[in-house]
Structures are given as structure tokens and as C-alpha cells.
N, C-alpha and C. Protein backbone atom coordinates (compact mmCIF):
# COMPACT_ATOMS: atom_id res chain seq x y z
N MET A 1 -10.25 -2.36 16.59
CA MET A 1 -9.80 -1.35 15.66
C MET A 1 -10.12 -1.86 14.25
N THR A 2 -10.87 -1.08 13.49
CA THR A 2 -11.17 -1.41 12.10
C THR A 2 -10.61 -0.32 11.23
N ALA A 3 -9.74 -0.70 10.33
CA ALA A 3 -9.02 0.27 9.51
C ALA A 3 -9.92 0.91 8.47
N GLN A 4 -9.65 2.18 8.21
CA GLN A 4 -10.25 2.87 7.09
C GLN A 4 -9.30 2.71 5.91
N VAL A 5 -9.84 2.36 4.75
CA VAL A 5 -9.02 2.16 3.56
C VAL A 5 -9.14 3.39 2.68
N VAL A 6 -7.98 3.94 2.28
CA VAL A 6 -7.95 5.13 1.42
C VAL A 6 -7.12 4.79 0.19
N THR A 7 -7.67 5.08 -0.99
CA THR A 7 -6.96 4.85 -2.24
C THR A 7 -6.51 6.18 -2.80
N ILE A 8 -5.24 6.25 -3.20
CA ILE A 8 -4.70 7.46 -3.80
C ILE A 8 -4.45 7.17 -5.27
N SER A 9 -5.19 7.86 -6.14
CA SER A 9 -5.08 7.66 -7.58
C SER A 9 -4.89 8.99 -8.27
N SER A 10 -4.06 9.00 -9.31
CA SER A 10 -3.85 10.23 -10.07
C SER A 10 -3.26 9.89 -11.42
N GLY A 11 -3.50 10.75 -12.39
CA GLY A 11 -2.90 10.60 -13.70
C GLY A 11 -1.50 11.18 -13.74
N LYS A 12 -1.12 11.91 -12.74
CA LYS A 12 0.20 12.54 -12.66
C LYS A 12 1.05 11.78 -11.67
N ALA A 13 2.05 11.10 -12.17
CA ALA A 13 2.87 10.23 -11.31
C ALA A 13 3.56 10.99 -10.19
N ARG A 14 4.17 12.11 -10.48
CA ARG A 14 4.92 12.83 -9.45
C ARG A 14 4.00 13.29 -8.32
N TRP A 15 2.82 13.80 -8.65
CA TRP A 15 1.90 14.23 -7.60
C TRP A 15 1.45 13.05 -6.77
N LYS A 16 1.11 11.96 -7.42
CA LYS A 16 0.61 10.79 -6.71
C LYS A 16 1.68 10.22 -5.78
N ASP A 17 2.90 10.10 -6.27
CA ASP A 17 3.96 9.53 -5.44
C ASP A 17 4.26 10.42 -4.25
N ASN A 18 4.43 11.70 -4.48
CA ASN A 18 4.69 12.62 -3.36
C ASN A 18 3.49 12.73 -2.45
N GLY A 19 2.29 12.78 -3.03
CA GLY A 19 1.07 12.83 -2.22
C GLY A 19 0.90 11.57 -1.40
N GLY A 20 1.21 10.42 -1.99
CA GLY A 20 1.13 9.16 -1.27
C GLY A 20 2.11 9.11 -0.12
N ARG A 21 3.33 9.56 -0.37
CA ARG A 21 4.35 9.57 0.67
C ARG A 21 3.93 10.49 1.82
N GLN A 22 3.50 11.70 1.47
CA GLN A 22 3.10 12.66 2.51
C GLN A 22 1.89 12.16 3.29
N SER A 23 0.93 11.54 2.60
CA SER A 23 -0.24 11.00 3.29
C SER A 23 0.15 9.90 4.26
N CYS A 24 1.04 9.04 3.84
CA CYS A 24 1.51 7.96 4.71
C CYS A 24 2.22 8.53 5.94
N ARG A 25 3.09 9.49 5.72
CA ARG A 25 3.85 10.07 6.83
C ARG A 25 2.95 10.84 7.79
N ARG A 26 1.99 11.61 7.25
CA ARG A 26 1.10 12.38 8.14
C ARG A 26 0.23 11.46 8.97
N ALA A 27 -0.33 10.44 8.33
CA ALA A 27 -1.19 9.52 9.07
C ALA A 27 -0.37 8.76 10.11
N GLY A 28 0.82 8.31 9.74
CA GLY A 28 1.68 7.58 10.67
C GLY A 28 2.23 8.46 11.78
N GLY A 29 2.37 9.75 11.51
CA GLY A 29 2.89 10.67 12.52
C GLY A 29 1.87 11.02 13.58
N GLY A 30 0.62 10.64 13.38
CA GLY A 30 -0.43 10.91 14.35
C GLY A 30 -0.58 9.81 15.37
N TRP A 31 0.45 8.97 15.52
CA TRP A 31 0.45 7.87 16.47
C TRP A 31 -0.65 6.86 16.21
N GLN A 32 -0.97 6.70 14.95
CA GLN A 32 -1.93 5.68 14.57
C GLN A 32 -1.21 4.65 13.71
N GLN A 33 -1.65 3.41 13.80
CA GLN A 33 -1.05 2.34 13.00
C GLN A 33 -1.49 2.52 11.55
N VAL A 34 -0.52 2.71 10.64
CA VAL A 34 -0.80 2.96 9.23
C VAL A 34 0.00 1.99 8.38
N VAL A 35 -0.68 1.36 7.43
CA VAL A 35 0.00 0.51 6.46
C VAL A 35 -0.23 1.10 5.08
N CYS A 36 0.86 1.40 4.38
CA CYS A 36 0.80 1.89 3.00
C CYS A 36 1.08 0.73 2.07
N ILE A 37 0.23 0.55 1.08
CA ILE A 37 0.42 -0.51 0.10
C ILE A 37 0.74 0.14 -1.24
N ASP A 38 1.88 -0.21 -1.80
CA ASP A 38 2.24 0.28 -3.13
C ASP A 38 1.55 -0.63 -4.14
N GLY A 39 0.52 -0.12 -4.78
CA GLY A 39 -0.24 -0.89 -5.75
C GLY A 39 0.23 -0.70 -7.18
N ASP A 40 1.36 -0.06 -7.34
CA ASP A 40 1.89 0.23 -8.68
C ASP A 40 2.80 -0.92 -9.11
N ILE A 41 2.19 -2.07 -9.39
CA ILE A 41 2.93 -3.28 -9.73
C ILE A 41 3.72 -3.07 -11.02
N GLY A 42 4.98 -3.45 -10.99
CA GLY A 42 5.85 -3.28 -12.15
C GLY A 42 6.72 -2.04 -12.06
N LEU A 43 6.31 -1.06 -11.29
CA LEU A 43 7.08 0.18 -11.18
C LEU A 43 7.76 0.29 -9.82
N ARG A 44 7.02 0.01 -8.76
CA ARG A 44 7.52 0.05 -7.39
C ARG A 44 8.34 1.29 -7.10
N ASN A 45 7.68 2.36 -6.71
CA ASN A 45 8.40 3.59 -6.44
C ASN A 45 8.10 4.21 -5.07
N LEU A 46 7.06 3.77 -4.40
CA LEU A 46 6.75 4.36 -3.09
C LEU A 46 7.86 4.05 -2.08
N ASP A 47 8.48 2.89 -2.21
CA ASP A 47 9.59 2.56 -1.32
C ASP A 47 10.76 3.52 -1.51
N VAL A 48 10.97 3.98 -2.74
CA VAL A 48 12.07 4.92 -3.02
C VAL A 48 11.79 6.27 -2.40
N VAL A 49 10.58 6.80 -2.61
CA VAL A 49 10.27 8.12 -2.07
C VAL A 49 10.17 8.11 -0.54
N MET A 50 9.94 6.92 0.05
CA MET A 50 9.92 6.81 1.51
C MET A 50 11.30 6.47 2.07
N GLY A 51 12.28 6.20 1.20
CA GLY A 51 13.62 5.88 1.66
C GLY A 51 13.77 4.47 2.20
N LEU A 52 12.94 3.54 1.74
CA LEU A 52 12.96 2.17 2.26
C LEU A 52 13.40 1.14 1.23
N GLU A 53 13.91 1.59 0.10
CA GLU A 53 14.21 0.68 -1.02
C GLU A 53 15.26 -0.38 -0.68
N ASN A 54 16.17 -0.10 0.21
CA ASN A 54 17.22 -1.06 0.55
C ASN A 54 16.79 -2.08 1.60
N ARG A 55 15.57 -1.98 2.07
CA ARG A 55 15.11 -2.87 3.14
C ARG A 55 14.08 -3.89 2.65
N ILE A 56 13.85 -3.95 1.35
CA ILE A 56 12.82 -4.85 0.81
C ILE A 56 13.35 -6.28 0.73
N VAL A 57 12.61 -7.20 1.32
CA VAL A 57 12.89 -8.62 1.21
C VAL A 57 11.75 -9.28 0.43
N TYR A 58 10.51 -8.98 0.83
CA TYR A 58 9.32 -9.53 0.18
C TYR A 58 8.45 -8.39 -0.32
N ASP A 59 7.56 -8.68 -1.28
CA ASP A 59 6.62 -7.68 -1.78
C ASP A 59 5.21 -8.25 -1.77
N ILE A 60 4.27 -7.46 -2.26
CA ILE A 60 2.86 -7.84 -2.22
C ILE A 60 2.56 -9.10 -3.03
N VAL A 61 3.26 -9.31 -4.13
CA VAL A 61 3.04 -10.51 -4.95
C VAL A 61 3.56 -11.74 -4.22
N ASP A 62 4.63 -11.61 -3.45
CA ASP A 62 5.11 -12.72 -2.63
C ASP A 62 4.04 -13.16 -1.63
N VAL A 63 3.33 -12.19 -1.06
CA VAL A 63 2.24 -12.49 -0.12
C VAL A 63 1.12 -13.22 -0.85
N ILE A 64 0.71 -12.70 -1.99
CA ILE A 64 -0.40 -13.29 -2.75
C ILE A 64 -0.09 -14.71 -3.19
N GLU A 65 1.15 -14.94 -3.61
CA GLU A 65 1.53 -16.26 -4.10
C GLU A 65 1.99 -17.20 -2.99
N GLY A 66 1.91 -16.76 -1.72
CA GLY A 66 2.18 -17.62 -0.58
C GLY A 66 3.64 -17.85 -0.26
N ARG A 67 4.55 -17.05 -0.79
CA ARG A 67 5.97 -17.20 -0.48
C ARG A 67 6.35 -16.60 0.87
N CYS A 68 5.48 -15.77 1.41
CA CYS A 68 5.72 -15.20 2.74
C CYS A 68 4.39 -14.83 3.36
N LYS A 69 4.44 -14.55 4.66
CA LYS A 69 3.25 -14.07 5.36
C LYS A 69 3.18 -12.56 5.20
N LEU A 70 1.99 -12.01 5.39
CA LEU A 70 1.78 -10.58 5.22
C LEU A 70 2.71 -9.76 6.10
N ARG A 71 2.86 -10.13 7.35
CA ARG A 71 3.72 -9.38 8.28
C ARG A 71 5.19 -9.39 7.85
N GLN A 72 5.62 -10.44 7.14
CA GLN A 72 7.00 -10.50 6.67
C GLN A 72 7.26 -9.48 5.56
N ALA A 73 6.23 -9.13 4.80
CA ALA A 73 6.38 -8.18 3.69
C ALA A 73 6.28 -6.73 4.16
N MET A 74 5.82 -6.51 5.38
CA MET A 74 5.66 -5.16 5.90
C MET A 74 7.00 -4.59 6.37
N ILE A 75 7.35 -3.42 5.85
CA ILE A 75 8.60 -2.75 6.21
C ILE A 75 8.27 -1.57 7.12
N ARG A 76 8.86 -1.55 8.28
CA ARG A 76 8.64 -0.44 9.23
C ARG A 76 9.44 0.78 8.79
N ASP A 77 8.81 1.94 8.84
CA ASP A 77 9.47 3.19 8.49
C ASP A 77 10.60 3.48 9.47
N LYS A 78 11.65 4.11 8.97
CA LYS A 78 12.82 4.42 9.81
C LYS A 78 12.53 5.47 10.87
N HIS A 79 11.63 6.39 10.57
CA HIS A 79 11.40 7.53 11.46
C HIS A 79 10.08 7.45 12.24
N LEU A 80 9.10 6.76 11.69
CA LEU A 80 7.79 6.66 12.34
C LEU A 80 7.48 5.19 12.61
N PRO A 81 7.57 4.77 13.85
CA PRO A 81 7.41 3.34 14.17
C PRO A 81 6.01 2.78 13.92
N GLU A 82 5.02 3.63 13.76
CA GLU A 82 3.66 3.17 13.51
C GLU A 82 3.31 3.11 12.02
N LEU A 83 4.29 3.36 11.17
CA LEU A 83 4.09 3.41 9.72
C LEU A 83 4.81 2.24 9.05
N TYR A 84 4.06 1.51 8.23
CA TYR A 84 4.60 0.35 7.52
C TYR A 84 4.33 0.49 6.03
N LEU A 85 5.16 -0.16 5.23
CA LEU A 85 4.99 -0.20 3.78
C LEU A 85 4.98 -1.64 3.32
N ILE A 86 4.02 -1.96 2.44
CA ILE A 86 4.05 -3.22 1.72
C ILE A 86 4.40 -2.84 0.28
N PRO A 87 5.62 -3.16 -0.16
CA PRO A 87 6.06 -2.72 -1.49
C PRO A 87 5.42 -3.50 -2.63
N ALA A 88 5.40 -2.88 -3.79
CA ALA A 88 4.92 -3.53 -5.00
C ALA A 88 6.04 -4.40 -5.56
N ALA A 89 5.67 -5.33 -6.43
CA ALA A 89 6.66 -6.15 -7.13
C ALA A 89 7.17 -5.37 -8.33
N GLN A 90 8.47 -5.31 -8.48
CA GLN A 90 9.05 -4.53 -9.57
C GLN A 90 9.15 -5.34 -10.86
N THR A 91 9.22 -6.63 -10.75
CA THR A 91 9.46 -7.47 -11.94
C THR A 91 8.22 -8.21 -12.42
N ARG A 92 7.06 -7.83 -11.94
CA ARG A 92 5.84 -8.52 -12.33
C ARG A 92 4.93 -7.61 -13.13
N ASP A 93 3.96 -8.21 -13.79
CA ASP A 93 2.97 -7.50 -14.59
C ASP A 93 1.91 -6.89 -13.68
N LYS A 94 1.28 -5.82 -14.15
CA LYS A 94 0.26 -5.14 -13.35
C LYS A 94 -0.93 -6.02 -13.02
N ASN A 95 -1.12 -7.12 -13.74
CA ASN A 95 -2.24 -8.02 -13.48
C ASN A 95 -1.92 -9.06 -12.41
N ALA A 96 -0.76 -8.97 -11.78
CA ALA A 96 -0.37 -9.92 -10.75
C ALA A 96 -1.20 -9.78 -9.48
N VAL A 97 -1.83 -8.62 -9.30
CA VAL A 97 -2.67 -8.37 -8.13
C VAL A 97 -4.08 -8.04 -8.61
N SER A 98 -5.03 -8.87 -8.23
CA SER A 98 -6.43 -8.65 -8.61
C SER A 98 -7.17 -7.91 -7.50
N PRO A 99 -8.34 -7.36 -7.80
CA PRO A 99 -9.13 -6.72 -6.74
C PRO A 99 -9.44 -7.67 -5.58
N SER A 100 -9.68 -8.94 -5.87
CA SER A 100 -9.95 -9.89 -4.79
C SER A 100 -8.70 -10.13 -3.93
N ASP A 101 -7.52 -10.11 -4.55
CA ASP A 101 -6.27 -10.22 -3.78
C ASP A 101 -6.11 -9.02 -2.86
N MET A 102 -6.37 -7.84 -3.38
CA MET A 102 -6.24 -6.62 -2.57
C MET A 102 -7.25 -6.63 -1.43
N LYS A 103 -8.45 -7.11 -1.69
CA LYS A 103 -9.47 -7.20 -0.64
C LYS A 103 -9.02 -8.15 0.47
N ARG A 104 -8.47 -9.28 0.08
CA ARG A 104 -8.01 -10.26 1.07
C ARG A 104 -6.91 -9.67 1.95
N ILE A 105 -5.97 -8.96 1.34
CA ILE A 105 -4.89 -8.34 2.10
C ILE A 105 -5.43 -7.27 3.04
N CYS A 106 -6.32 -6.43 2.54
CA CYS A 106 -6.89 -5.37 3.39
C CYS A 106 -7.71 -5.96 4.52
N ASP A 107 -8.47 -7.02 4.24
CA ASP A 107 -9.26 -7.67 5.29
C ASP A 107 -8.35 -8.22 6.39
N GLU A 108 -7.20 -8.76 6.00
CA GLU A 108 -6.26 -9.29 6.98
C GLU A 108 -5.62 -8.18 7.81
N LEU A 109 -5.44 -7.01 7.21
CA LEU A 109 -4.82 -5.89 7.91
C LEU A 109 -5.79 -5.10 8.78
N ARG A 110 -7.08 -5.15 8.49
CA ARG A 110 -8.07 -4.29 9.16
C ARG A 110 -8.06 -4.36 10.67
N SER A 111 -7.92 -5.55 11.24
CA SER A 111 -8.08 -5.68 12.69
C SER A 111 -6.95 -5.04 13.49
N GLY A 112 -5.75 -4.93 12.94
CA GLY A 112 -4.64 -4.38 13.71
C GLY A 112 -4.13 -3.05 13.21
N THR A 113 -4.94 -2.35 12.42
CA THR A 113 -4.47 -1.13 11.76
C THR A 113 -5.55 -0.06 11.83
N ASP A 114 -5.13 1.21 11.90
CA ASP A 114 -6.09 2.31 11.86
C ASP A 114 -6.39 2.76 10.43
N PHE A 115 -5.34 2.84 9.61
CA PHE A 115 -5.50 3.27 8.22
C PHE A 115 -4.72 2.37 7.28
N ILE A 116 -5.30 2.09 6.14
CA ILE A 116 -4.62 1.39 5.05
C ILE A 116 -4.67 2.35 3.86
N LEU A 117 -3.50 2.81 3.44
CA LEU A 117 -3.41 3.73 2.30
C LEU A 117 -2.88 2.96 1.11
N ILE A 118 -3.66 2.93 0.02
CA ILE A 118 -3.26 2.22 -1.19
C ILE A 118 -2.86 3.23 -2.25
N ASP A 119 -1.62 3.18 -2.64
CA ASP A 119 -1.09 4.04 -3.70
C ASP A 119 -1.26 3.26 -5.00
N SER A 120 -2.35 3.54 -5.73
CA SER A 120 -2.64 2.76 -6.93
C SER A 120 -1.81 3.23 -8.11
N ARG A 121 -1.75 2.39 -9.12
CA ARG A 121 -0.90 2.73 -10.27
C ARG A 121 -1.45 3.93 -11.02
N ARG A 122 -0.55 4.63 -11.69
CA ARG A 122 -0.86 5.86 -12.41
C ARG A 122 -1.94 5.61 -13.46
N GLY A 123 -2.90 6.53 -13.49
CA GLY A 123 -3.97 6.46 -14.48
C GLY A 123 -5.07 5.48 -14.12
N LEU A 124 -4.91 4.76 -13.03
CA LEU A 124 -5.91 3.79 -12.62
C LEU A 124 -6.89 4.46 -11.68
N ASN A 125 -8.17 4.36 -11.99
CA ASN A 125 -9.14 4.99 -11.10
C ASN A 125 -9.48 4.07 -9.94
N ALA A 126 -10.35 4.52 -9.10
CA ALA A 126 -10.68 3.79 -7.88
C ALA A 126 -11.45 2.51 -8.16
N ALA A 127 -11.82 2.25 -9.41
CA ALA A 127 -12.54 1.02 -9.74
C ALA A 127 -11.72 -0.22 -9.40
N PHE A 128 -10.40 -0.09 -9.31
CA PHE A 128 -9.54 -1.21 -8.95
C PHE A 128 -9.84 -1.70 -7.55
N VAL A 129 -10.15 -0.80 -6.66
CA VAL A 129 -10.29 -1.16 -5.26
C VAL A 129 -11.71 -1.01 -4.74
N MET A 130 -12.40 0.03 -5.12
CA MET A 130 -13.68 0.37 -4.49
C MET A 130 -14.74 -0.72 -4.52
N PRO A 131 -14.98 -1.43 -5.61
CA PRO A 131 -16.06 -2.42 -5.59
C PRO A 131 -15.86 -3.53 -4.56
N SER A 132 -14.63 -3.82 -4.24
CA SER A 132 -14.37 -4.94 -3.36
C SER A 132 -14.10 -4.55 -1.91
N LEU A 133 -13.99 -3.27 -1.61
CA LEU A 133 -13.67 -2.85 -0.26
C LEU A 133 -14.74 -1.94 0.31
N PRO A 134 -15.47 -2.38 1.33
CA PRO A 134 -16.43 -1.48 1.97
C PRO A 134 -15.71 -0.39 2.73
N ARG A 135 -16.35 0.75 2.89
CA ARG A 135 -15.82 1.91 3.63
C ARG A 135 -14.48 2.35 3.08
N THR A 136 -14.42 2.59 1.78
CA THR A 136 -13.20 3.03 1.15
C THR A 136 -13.33 4.47 0.72
N ALA A 137 -12.33 5.26 1.01
CA ALA A 137 -12.30 6.65 0.56
C ALA A 137 -11.28 6.76 -0.55
N CYS A 138 -11.49 7.66 -1.48
CA CYS A 138 -10.55 7.85 -2.59
C CYS A 138 -10.13 9.29 -2.67
N TRP A 139 -8.85 9.52 -2.93
CA TRP A 139 -8.32 10.86 -3.14
C TRP A 139 -7.92 10.98 -4.58
């Protein structure tokens, strides 16, 4: 199984957050393994719209800095067992995650996942992810 990576970018925060949530739920509801990555470092809101904010122990920056393993940062959705979230760090700067860090995380997830959905920060275009990830689609 090789995951398809999809980046969701928009200048409108409300559309992007709701669109990201709905995309994660629809993909996960199709009985496929889906990992959603909240790439909005410093804001961290996808966990709130998915109803998972009280279950966060580790975030994506913890993975990058080696404080936990990738699987430890993944939060399983309450309603869809095939849907996971890797939350963003709320207290860190947007530069805490580089394109090479995102590539490394996606490469590690590819073998056991059908889709990787990246909810990128508001106003950020696909240039954050696309150069470093082959077979990436952008919405």
C-alpha cells in the first residue's frame, strides 16, 4: 500500500478547516487507512474541529524533535477507526516543521496508509509540500 498525499491549502481559514475535516472524515469513512496531518503550526485547530482536542499527548514537532515515535503522536478518531490525526504544535513557530521534515514523516507513513491529508497553514500554497513529495495532489 502506497499512500497518496493530498495537501489542502486556502486563504480562508474557515473553509480550509471545515474542508479539511470533511475530507478526512470522507476518506476515513471509505474503510481506507487515512492520516490527517495538521500543518498549521502555532494555531492547531484541526483537532478542535474533529473533536479530538482533549486526547492530544504528542504533536508533529515532538515527532520531529525525537521526543516520541510517529505512531505515538497519531490520534485515532472516535467514530472512524481507520482515521488518524497528527496534531500541530500550538506553542511553536511555523518554522518548526520544514519541507524535509514533512517529507520524512510522509515517507514513514506511506507504507501503512492509503491517504495522507495535509491541512497546511492558512495562506500557504502547495510550495510547502509539493517539491519534496512525489505524487502529491493539492486542493
